[in-house]
PDB file of N, CA and C in Angstrom:
ATOM      1  N   UNK A   1     -11.588  42.912   2.131  1.00  0.00           N
ATOM      2  CA  UNK A   1     -11.944  42.629   0.755  1.00  0.00           C
ATOM      3  C   UNK A   1     -10.678  42.339  -0.034  1.00  0.00           C
ATOM      4  N   UNK A   2     -10.699  41.303  -0.799  1.00  0.00           N
ATOM      5  CA  UNK A   2      -9.559  40.907  -1.614  1.00  0.00           C
ATOM      6  C   UNK A   2      -9.359  41.904  -2.759  1.00  0.00           C
ATOM      7  N   UNK A   3      -8.096  42.130  -3.083  1.00  0.00           N
ATOM      8  CA  UNK A   3      -7.795  43.065  -4.167  1.00  0.00           C
ATOM      9  C   UNK A   3      -8.245  42.519  -5.517  1.00  0.00           C
ATOM     10  N   UNK A   4      -8.428  41.197  -5.625  1.00  0.00           N
ATOM     11  CA  UNK A   4      -8.847  40.621  -6.896  1.00  0.00           C
ATOM     12  C   UNK A   4     -10.354  40.761  -7.112  1.00  0.00           C
ATOM     13  N   UNK A   5     -11.097  41.042  -6.061  1.00  0.00           N
ATOM     14  CA  UNK A   5     -12.540  41.226  -6.200  1.00  0.00           C
ATOM     15  C   UNK A   5     -12.843  42.591  -6.809  1.00  0.00           C
ATOM     16  N   UNK A   6     -13.896  42.648  -7.595  1.00  0.00           N
ATOM     17  CA  UNK A   6     -14.342  43.924  -8.113  1.00  0.00           C
ATOM     18  C   UNK A   6     -14.982  44.709  -6.977  1.00  0.00           C
ATOM     19  N   UNK A   7     -14.825  46.019  -7.027  1.00  0.00           N
ATOM     20  CA  UNK A   7     -15.434  46.859  -6.007  1.00  0.00           C
ATOM     21  C   UNK A   7     -16.942  46.935  -6.278  1.00  0.00           C
ATOM     22  N   UNK A   8     -17.707  46.633  -5.263  1.00  0.00           N
ATOM     23  CA  UNK A   8     -19.163  46.660  -5.389  1.00  0.00           C
ATOM     24  C   UNK A   8     -19.639  48.100  -5.193  1.00  0.00           C
ATOM     25  N   UNK A   9     -20.583  48.541  -6.006  1.00  0.00           N
ATOM     26  CA  UNK A   9     -21.079  49.911  -5.919  1.00  0.00           C
ATOM     27  C   UNK A   9     -21.824  50.138  -4.609  1.00  0.00           C
ATOM     28  N   UNK A  10     -21.875  51.385  -4.211  1.00  0.00           N
ATOM     29  CA  UNK A  10     -22.577  51.751  -2.984  1.00  0.00           C
ATOM     30  C   UNK A  10     -24.054  51.379  -3.094  1.00  0.00           C
ATOM     31  N   UNK A  11     -24.649  51.632  -4.230  1.00  0.00           N
ATOM     32  CA  UNK A  11     -26.076  51.317  -4.384  1.00  0.00           C
ATOM     33  C   UNK A  11     -26.331  49.809  -4.286  1.00  0.00           C
ATOM     34  N   UNK A  12     -25.402  48.993  -4.781  1.00  0.00           N
ATOM     35  CA  UNK A  12     -25.549  47.544  -4.643  1.00  0.00           C
ATOM     36  C   UNK A  12     -25.444  47.121  -3.178  1.00  0.00           C
ATOM     37  N   UNK A  13     -24.510  47.743  -2.464  1.00  0.00           N
ATOM     38  CA  UNK A  13     -24.358  47.439  -1.043  1.00  0.00           C
ATOM     39  C   UNK A  13     -25.591  47.850  -0.260  1.00  0.00           C
ATOM     40  N   UNK A  14     -26.174  48.999  -0.602  1.00  0.00           N
ATOM     41  CA  UNK A  14     -27.389  49.461   0.071  1.00  0.00           C
ATOM     42  C   UNK A  14     -28.535  48.479  -0.206  1.00  0.00           C
ATOM     43  N   UNK A  15     -28.626  47.998  -1.430  1.00  0.00           N
ATOM     44  CA  UNK A  15     -29.656  47.003  -1.754  1.00  0.00           C
ATOM     45  C   UNK A  15     -29.458  45.723  -0.958  1.00  0.00           C
ATOM     46  N   UNK A  16     -28.206  45.279  -0.834  1.00  0.00           N
ATOM     47  CA  UNK A  16     -27.901  44.092  -0.044  1.00  0.00           C
ATOM     48  C   UNK A  16     -28.273  44.303   1.424  1.00  0.00           C
ATOM     49  N   UNK A  17     -27.994  45.499   1.932  1.00  0.00           N
ATOM     50  CA  UNK A  17     -28.325  45.809   3.320  1.00  0.00           C
ATOM     51  C   UNK A  17     -29.840  45.826   3.515  1.00  0.00           C
ATOM     52  N   UNK A  18     -30.554  46.405   2.562  1.00  0.00           N
ATOM     53  CA  UNK A  18     -32.025  46.401   2.631  1.00  0.00           C
ATOM     54  C   UNK A  18     -32.568  44.973   2.694  1.00  0.00           C
ATOM     55  N   UNK A  19     -32.012  44.104   1.852  1.00  0.00           N
ATOM     56  CA  UNK A  19     -32.448  42.703   1.853  1.00  0.00           C
ATOM     57  C   UNK A  19     -32.145  42.037   3.190  1.00  0.00           C
ATOM     58  N   UNK A  20     -30.973  42.341   3.744  1.00  0.00           N
ATOM     59  CA  UNK A  20     -30.592  41.752   5.027  1.00  0.00           C
ATOM     60  C   UNK A  20     -31.540  42.209   6.139  1.00  0.00           C
ATOM     61  N   UNK A  21     -31.899  43.476   6.125  1.00  0.00           N
ATOM     62  CA  UNK A  21     -32.806  44.009   7.140  1.00  0.00           C
ATOM     63  C   UNK A  21     -34.197  43.414   6.971  1.00  0.00           C
ATOM     64  N   UNK A  22     -34.654  43.274   5.730  1.00  0.00           N
ATOM     65  CA  UNK A  22     -35.979  42.697   5.465  1.00  0.00           C
ATOM     66  C   UNK A  22     -36.075  41.262   5.982  1.00  0.00           C
ATOM     67  N   UNK A  23     -34.960  40.530   5.956  1.00  0.00           N
ATOM     68  CA  UNK A  23     -34.961  39.154   6.453  1.00  0.00           C
ATOM     69  C   UNK A  23     -35.458  39.096   7.889  1.00  0.00           C
ATOM     70  N   UNK A  24     -35.089  40.083   8.699  1.00  0.00           N
ATOM     71  CA  UNK A  24     -35.486  40.099  10.108  1.00  0.00           C
ATOM     72  C   UNK A  24     -37.001  40.251  10.269  1.00  0.00           C
ATOM     73  N   UNK A  25     -37.668  40.826   9.277  1.00  0.00           N
ATOM     74  CA  UNK A  25     -39.113  41.026   9.342  1.00  0.00           C
ATOM     75  C   UNK A  25     -39.888  39.954   8.581  1.00  0.00           C
ATOM     76  N   UNK A  26     -39.165  39.099   7.860  1.00  0.00           N
ATOM     77  CA  UNK A  26     -39.822  38.124   6.994  1.00  0.00           C
ATOM     78  C   UNK A  26     -40.188  36.832   7.699  1.00  0.00           C
ATOM     79  N   UNK A  27     -40.863  35.983   6.949  1.00  0.00           N
ATOM     80  CA  UNK A  27     -41.291  34.672   7.440  1.00  0.00           C
ATOM     81  C   UNK A  27     -40.124  33.700   7.588  1.00  0.00           C
ATOM     82  N   UNK A  28     -38.984  33.995   6.930  1.00  0.00           N
ATOM     83  CA  UNK A  28     -37.829  33.107   6.980  1.00  0.00           C
ATOM     84  C   UNK A  28     -36.955  33.343   8.204  1.00  0.00           C
ATOM     85  N   UNK A  29     -37.336  34.281   9.059  1.00  0.00           N
ATOM     86  CA  UNK A  29     -36.543  34.617  10.249  1.00  0.00           C
ATOM     87  C   UNK A  29     -36.378  33.385  11.139  1.00  0.00           C
ATOM     88  N   UNK A  30     -35.111  33.117  11.503  1.00  0.00           N
ATOM     89  CA  UNK A  30     -34.780  32.018  12.414  1.00  0.00           C
ATOM     90  C   UNK A  30     -33.862  32.618  13.484  1.00  0.00           C
ATOM     91  N   UNK A  31     -34.289  32.535  14.716  1.00  0.00           N
ATOM     92  CA  UNK A  31     -33.550  33.161  15.807  1.00  0.00           C
ATOM     93  C   UNK A  31     -32.098  32.711  15.853  1.00  0.00           C
ATOM     94  N   UNK A  32     -31.840  31.439  15.607  1.00  0.00           N
ATOM     95  CA  UNK A  32     -30.491  30.908  15.661  1.00  0.00           C
ATOM     96  C   UNK A  32     -29.570  31.527  14.602  1.00  0.00           C
ATOM     97  N   UNK A  33     -30.130  32.036  13.527  1.00  0.00           N
ATOM     98  CA  UNK A  33     -29.351  32.649  12.450  1.00  0.00           C
ATOM     99  C   UNK A  33     -29.234  34.162  12.609  1.00  0.00           C
ATOM    100  N   UNK A  34     -29.982  34.734  13.517  1.00  0.00           N
ATOM    101  CA  UNK A  34     -30.090  36.187  13.631  1.00  0.00           C
ATOM    102  C   UNK A  34     -28.757  36.865  13.937  1.00  0.00           C
ATOM    103  N   UNK A  35     -27.975  36.322  14.854  1.00  0.00           N
ATOM    104  CA  UNK A  35     -26.717  36.975  15.231  1.00  0.00           C
ATOM    105  C   UNK A  35     -25.763  37.049  14.044  1.00  0.00           C
ATOM    106  N   UNK A  36     -25.635  35.956  13.315  1.00  0.00           N
ATOM    107  CA  UNK A  36     -24.760  35.962  12.138  1.00  0.00           C
ATOM    108  C   UNK A  36     -25.234  36.949  11.076  1.00  0.00           C
ATOM    109  N   UNK A  37     -26.528  36.965  10.839  1.00  0.00           N
ATOM    110  CA  UNK A  37     -27.101  37.898   9.849  1.00  0.00           C
ATOM    111  C   UNK A  37     -26.912  39.345  10.315  1.00  0.00           C
ATOM    112  N   UNK A  38     -27.070  39.573  11.618  1.00  0.00           N
ATOM    113  CA  UNK A  38     -26.893  40.926  12.167  1.00  0.00           C
ATOM    114  C   UNK A  38     -25.454  41.387  11.979  1.00  0.00           C
ATOM    115  N   UNK A  39     -24.497  40.512  12.297  1.00  0.00           N
ATOM    116  CA  UNK A  39     -23.080  40.881  12.156  1.00  0.00           C
ATOM    117  C   UNK A  39     -22.728  41.159  10.700  1.00  0.00           C
ATOM    118  N   UNK A  40     -23.261  40.376   9.778  1.00  0.00           N
ATOM    119  CA  UNK A  40     -23.007  40.598   8.353  1.00  0.00           C
ATOM    120  C   UNK A  40     -23.600  41.937   7.902  1.00  0.00           C
ATOM    121  N   UNK A  41     -24.807  42.238   8.371  1.00  0.00           N
ATOM    122  CA  UNK A  41     -25.445  43.513   8.022  1.00  0.00           C
ATOM    123  C   UNK A  41     -24.675  44.688   8.622  1.00  0.00           C
ATOM    124  N   UNK A  42     -24.178  44.500   9.831  1.00  0.00           N
ATOM    125  CA  UNK A  42     -23.408  45.553  10.484  1.00  0.00           C
ATOM    126  C   UNK A  42     -22.115  45.826   9.708  1.00  0.00           C
ATOM    127  N   UNK A  43     -21.441  44.779   9.253  1.00  0.00           N
ATOM    128  CA  UNK A  43     -20.216  44.918   8.462  1.00  0.00           C
ATOM    129  C   UNK A  43     -20.511  45.641   7.141  1.00  0.00           C
ATOM    130  N   UNK A  44     -21.605  45.279   6.521  1.00  0.00           N
ATOM    131  CA  UNK A  44     -21.999  45.911   5.265  1.00  0.00           C
ATOM    132  C   UNK A  44     -22.301  47.397   5.491  1.00  0.00           C
ATOM    133  N   UNK A  45     -22.976  47.716   6.574  1.00  0.00           N
ATOM    134  CA  UNK A  45     -23.273  49.113   6.897  1.00  0.00           C
ATOM    135  C   UNK A  45     -21.990  49.909   7.116  1.00  0.00           C
ATOM    136  N   UNK A  46     -20.999  49.303   7.756  1.00  0.00           N
ATOM    137  CA  UNK A  46     -19.719  49.970   7.970  1.00  0.00           C
ATOM    138  C   UNK A  46     -18.996  50.212   6.641  1.00  0.00           C
ATOM    139  N   UNK A  47     -19.076  49.238   5.738  1.00  0.00           N
ATOM    140  CA  UNK A  47     -18.472  49.407   4.414  1.00  0.00           C
ATOM    141  C   UNK A  47     -19.140  50.555   3.662  1.00  0.00           C
ATOM    142  N   UNK A  48     -20.461  50.629   3.738  1.00  0.00           N
ATOM    143  CA  UNK A  48     -21.197  51.700   3.069  1.00  0.00           C
ATOM    144  C   UNK A  48     -20.789  53.052   3.645  1.00  0.00           C
ATOM    145  N   UNK A  49     -20.694  53.125   4.958  1.00  0.00           N
ATOM    146  CA  UNK A  49     -20.291  54.365   5.622  1.00  0.00           C
ATOM    147  C   UNK A  49     -18.891  54.795   5.176  1.00  0.00           C
ATOM    148  N   UNK A  50     -17.972  53.829   5.082  1.00  0.00           N
ATOM    149  CA  UNK A  50     -16.609  54.118   4.639  1.00  0.00           C
ATOM    150  C   UNK A  50     -16.611  54.608   3.189  1.00  0.00           C
ATOM    151  N   UNK A  51     -17.352  53.909   2.328  1.00  0.00           N
ATOM    152  CA  UNK A  51     -17.435  54.306   0.917  1.00  0.00           C
ATOM    153  C   UNK A  51     -17.993  55.716   0.763  1.00  0.00           C
ATOM    154  N   UNK A  52     -19.030  56.023   1.538  1.00  0.00           N
ATOM    155  CA  UNK A  52     -19.629  57.360   1.463  1.00  0.00           C
ATOM    156  C   UNK A  52     -18.663  58.425   1.968  1.00  0.00           C
ATOM    157  N   UNK A  53     -17.912  58.096   3.000  1.00  0.00           N
ATOM    158  CA  UNK A  53     -16.922  59.039   3.521  1.00  0.00           C
ATOM    159  C   UNK A  53     -15.840  59.324   2.481  1.00  0.00           C
ATOM    160  N   UNK A  54     -15.372  58.274   1.810  1.00  0.00           N
ATOM    161  CA  UNK A  54     -14.371  58.451   0.747  1.00  0.00           C
ATOM    162  C   UNK A  54     -14.931  59.285  -0.391  1.00  0.00           C
ATOM    163  N   UNK A  55     -16.178  59.026  -0.737  1.00  0.00           N
ATOM    164  CA  UNK A  55     -16.825  59.792  -1.805  1.00  0.00           C
ATOM    165  C   UNK A  55     -16.970  61.260  -1.403  1.00  0.00           C
ATOM    166  N   UNK A  56     -17.361  61.489  -0.159  1.00  0.00           N
ATOM    167  CA  UNK A  56     -17.501  62.858   0.345  1.00  0.00           C
ATOM    168  C   UNK A  56     -16.150  63.577   0.279  1.00  0.00           C
ATOM    169  N   UNK A  57     -15.065  62.892   0.635  1.00  0.00           N
ATOM    170  CA  UNK A  57     -13.737  63.488   0.572  1.00  0.00           C
ATOM    171  C   UNK A  57     -13.359  63.849  -0.861  1.00  0.00           C
ATOM    172  N   UNK A  58     -13.700  63.000  -1.813  1.00  0.00           N
ATOM    173  CA  UNK A  58     -13.410  63.276  -3.215  1.00  0.00           C
ATOM    174  C   UNK A  58     -14.174  64.498  -3.699  1.00  0.00           C
ATOM    175  N   UNK A  59     -15.431  64.598  -3.289  1.00  0.00           N
ATOM    176  CA  UNK A  59     -16.256  65.738  -3.685  1.00  0.00           C
ATOM    177  C   UNK A  59     -15.692  67.019  -3.084  1.00  0.00           C
ATOM    178  N   UNK A  60     -15.261  66.954  -1.837  1.00  0.00           N
ATOM    179  CA  UNK A  60     -14.690  68.131  -1.174  1.00  0.00           C
ATOM    180  C   UNK A  60     -13.421  68.583  -1.881  1.00  0.00           C
ATOM    181  N   UNK A  61     -12.582  67.636  -2.274  1.00  0.00           N
ATOM    182  CA  UNK A  61     -11.353  67.988  -2.982  1.00  0.00           C
ATOM    183  C   UNK A  61     -11.682  68.647  -4.304  1.00  0.00           C
ATOM    184  N   UNK A  62     -12.620  68.116  -5.041  1.00  0.00           N
ATOM    185  CA  UNK A  62     -13.011  68.700  -6.337  1.00  0.00           C
ATOM    186  C   UNK A  62     -13.598  70.089  -6.102  1.00  0.00           C
ATOM    187  N   UNK A  63     -14.437  70.226  -5.091  1.00  0.00           N
ATOM    188  CA  UNK A  63     -15.043  71.510  -4.780  1.00  0.00           C
ATOM    189  C   UNK A  63     -13.985  72.544  -4.435  1.00  0.00           C
ATOM    190  N   UNK A  64     -13.018  72.174  -3.614  1.00  0.00           N
ATOM    191  CA  UNK A  64     -11.923  73.079  -3.242  1.00  0.00           C
ATOM    192  C   UNK A  64     -11.088  73.454  -4.455  1.00  0.00           C
ATOM    193  N   UNK A  65     -10.881  72.494  -5.339  1.00  0.00           N
ATOM    194  CA  UNK A  65     -10.080  72.732  -6.535  1.00  0.00           C
ATOM    195  C   UNK A  65     -10.768  73.742  -7.452  1.00  0.00           C
ATOM    196  N   UNK A  66     -12.095  73.676  -7.562  1.00  0.00           N
ATOM    197  CA  UNK A  66     -12.821  74.574  -8.455  1.00  0.00           C
ATOM    198  C   UNK A  66     -12.912  75.988  -7.890  1.00  0.00           C
ATOM    199  N   UNK A  67     -12.692  76.165  -6.601  1.00  0.00           N
ATOM    200  CA  UNK A  67     -12.728  77.507  -6.000  1.00  0.00           C
ATOM    201  C   UNK A  67     -11.444  78.271  -6.239  1.00  0.00           C
ATOM    202  N   UNK A  68     -10.378  77.579  -6.616  1.00  0.00           N
ATOM    203  CA  UNK A  68      -9.071  78.232  -6.809  1.00  0.00           C
ATOM    204  C   UNK A  68      -9.047  79.096  -8.025  1.00  0.00           C
TER     205      UNK A  68
END
């Protein structure tokens, strides 16, 4: 991701992933496009996982700080 791009929220990414998954079940499904769409969805899922992990780390740090 380019540093000049705005960071997309986790909820927006989840919505994009939902739309990508729905494409596979929809009438617009084209087998020739499936691999590319799958790879894009997989990349998006990895980004969501990374974002959630970072968020979890921030929450843990705040939680540890409040116990002191």
